Amino acid sequence: MDQDQTFLEYVVKSLADHPEDVKVKRTVDEMGVLLTLSVHKDDMGKIIGRSGATAKAIRTILRVVGMKNEARVNLKIEEPEGSERGPGMQSGGYNQDNKSVDDVIADLKGEQ
């Protein structure tokens, strides 16, 4: 397993309540390395973080790991199957402070 994939799995499993559901797929093409992350739907808010801060920090460190190995590393976080968004969510779903981009745009437009 490559260092970037090992790093990502370690960090995300440390944050997740369901580490057994953390999956990382690594693909390499002419654009560089793409790490595709999937997590349990209840962990999505923790991995994204408030205003995307956690995901942004993970991406930044992945780029540094990539530079050390002379590779461009990008992270794609997959939307979990059955995830729910918005105010009518069941407990255990996204925290209101960890809204997705779609939720923020809907709020700005006044949609509920």
Protein backbone atom coordinates (compact mmCIF):
# COMPACT_ATOMS: atom_id res chain seq x y z
CA MET A 1 0.00 0.00 0.00
CA ASP A 2 1.31 3.44 -0.89
CA GLN A 3 2.11 6.11 1.72
CA ASP A 4 -0.70 8.44 0.62
CA GLN A 5 -3.33 5.70 0.88
CA THR A 6 -1.93 4.47 4.21
CA PHE A 7 -1.96 8.01 5.61
CA LEU A 8 -5.53 8.68 4.48
CA GLU A 9 -6.85 5.42 5.93
CA TYR A 10 -5.11 6.06 9.26
CA VAL A 11 -6.46 9.60 9.64
CA VAL A 12 -10.02 8.82 8.55
CA LYS A 13 -10.28 5.64 10.64
CA SER A 14 -9.06 7.66 13.65
CA LEU A 15 -11.89 10.18 13.14
CA ALA A 16 -14.66 7.72 12.25
CA ASP A 17 -17.13 6.03 14.59
CA HIS A 18 -17.36 3.21 12.02
CA PRO A 19 -13.71 2.61 10.98
CA GLU A 20 -14.65 -0.76 9.51
CA ASP A 21 -16.65 1.09 6.81
CA VAL A 22 -13.71 3.28 5.68
CA LYS A 23 -12.65 2.33 2.16
CA VAL A 24 -9.97 4.00 0.05
CA LYS A 25 -9.59 3.27 -3.65
CA ARG A 26 -6.36 4.45 -5.30
CA THR A 27 -6.08 5.10 -9.02
CA VAL A 28 -3.17 6.55 -10.97
CA ASP A 29 -3.38 8.25 -14.37
CA GLU A 30 -1.62 11.01 -16.30
CA MET A 31 -3.15 13.61 -13.93
CA GLY A 32 -1.62 11.96 -10.84
CA VAL A 33 -3.05 9.95 -7.97
CA LEU A 34 -6.75 9.98 -7.13
CA LEU A 35 -7.81 8.65 -3.73
CA THR A 36 -11.53 7.96 -3.56
CA LEU A 37 -12.81 7.79 0.01
CA SER A 38 -16.05 6.22 1.15
CA VAL A 39 -17.24 6.23 4.77
CA HIS A 40 -20.33 5.30 6.77
CA LYS A 41 -23.08 7.90 6.30
CA ASP A 42 -22.99 8.81 10.01
CA ASP A 43 -19.27 9.66 9.77
CA MET A 44 -19.56 11.98 6.79
CA GLY A 45 -19.95 15.13 8.90
CA LYS A 46 -16.83 14.34 10.91
CA ILE A 47 -14.74 13.72 7.82
CA ILE A 48 -15.93 16.89 6.04
CA GLY A 49 -15.77 19.05 9.19
CA ARG A 50 -17.29 22.45 9.81
CA SER A 51 -17.39 24.36 6.52
CA GLY A 52 -15.24 21.61 5.00
CA ALA A 53 -12.26 22.44 7.23
CA THR A 54 -11.32 18.85 8.08
CA ALA A 55 -11.51 17.66 4.46
CA LYS A 56 -9.46 20.68 3.35
CA ALA A 57 -6.79 19.93 5.97
CA ILE A 58 -6.62 16.27 4.91
CA ARG A 59 -6.28 17.32 1.25
CA THR A 60 -3.48 19.74 2.13
CA ILE A 61 -1.47 17.10 3.98
CA LEU A 62 -2.09 14.59 1.17
CA ARG A 63 -0.58 17.08 -1.27
CA VAL A 64 2.51 17.34 0.94
CA VAL A 65 2.78 13.54 1.12
CA GLY A 66 2.41 13.49 -2.66
CA MET A 67 5.12 16.12 -3.18
CA LYS A 68 7.50 14.06 -1.08
CA ASN A 69 6.86 11.16 -3.47
CA GLU A 70 6.82 13.40 -6.57
CA ALA A 71 3.13 12.77 -7.26
CA ARG A 72 0.04 14.95 -7.44
CA VAL A 73 -2.51 13.54 -5.00
CA ASN A 74 -6.21 14.44 -5.10
CA LEU A 75 -8.98 13.30 -2.76
CA LYS A 76 -12.56 12.58 -3.77
CA ILE A 77 -15.06 11.92 -0.98
CA GLU A 78 -18.01 9.86 -2.16
CA GLU A 79 -21.52 10.65 -0.97
CA PRO A 80 -22.58 7.67 1.18
CA GLU A 81 -25.54 5.64 -0.01
CA GLY A 82 -28.64 6.50 2.02
CA SER A 83 -27.17 9.67 3.51
CA GLU A 84 -29.62 12.37 4.47
CA ARG A 85 -29.23 16.12 4.37
CA GLY A 86 -31.08 19.08 5.71
CA PRO A 87 -33.13 19.95 8.80
CA GLY A 88 -35.44 16.89 8.75
CA MET A 89 -32.64 14.45 9.46
CA GLN A 90 -32.75 11.58 11.90
CA SER A 91 -30.38 11.73 14.85
CA GLY A 92 -26.99 10.34 14.00
CA GLY A 93 -26.98 12.01 10.56
CA TYR A 94 -25.19 15.19 9.62
CA ASN A 95 -24.75 17.74 12.35
CA GLN A 96 -26.33 21.07 11.44
CA ASP A 97 -22.90 22.69 11.80
CA ASN A 98 -21.50 20.31 9.17
CA LYS A 99 -23.69 21.25 6.23
CA SER A 100 -22.93 20.21 2.69
CA VAL A 101 -22.45 22.76 -0.09
CA ASP A 102 -25.96 21.92 -1.36
CA ASP A 103 -27.42 22.65 2.11
CA VAL A 104 -25.65 26.00 2.35
CA ILE A 105 -26.81 27.01 -1.14
CA ALA A 106 -30.39 25.96 -0.29
CA ASP A 107 -30.20 28.05 2.93
CA LEU A 108 -28.96 31.06 0.98
CA LYS A 109 -31.83 30.69 -1.47
CA GLY A 110 -34.28 30.42 1.45
CA GLU A 111 -35.26 26.83 0.63
CA GLN A 112 -36.04 24.39 3.40
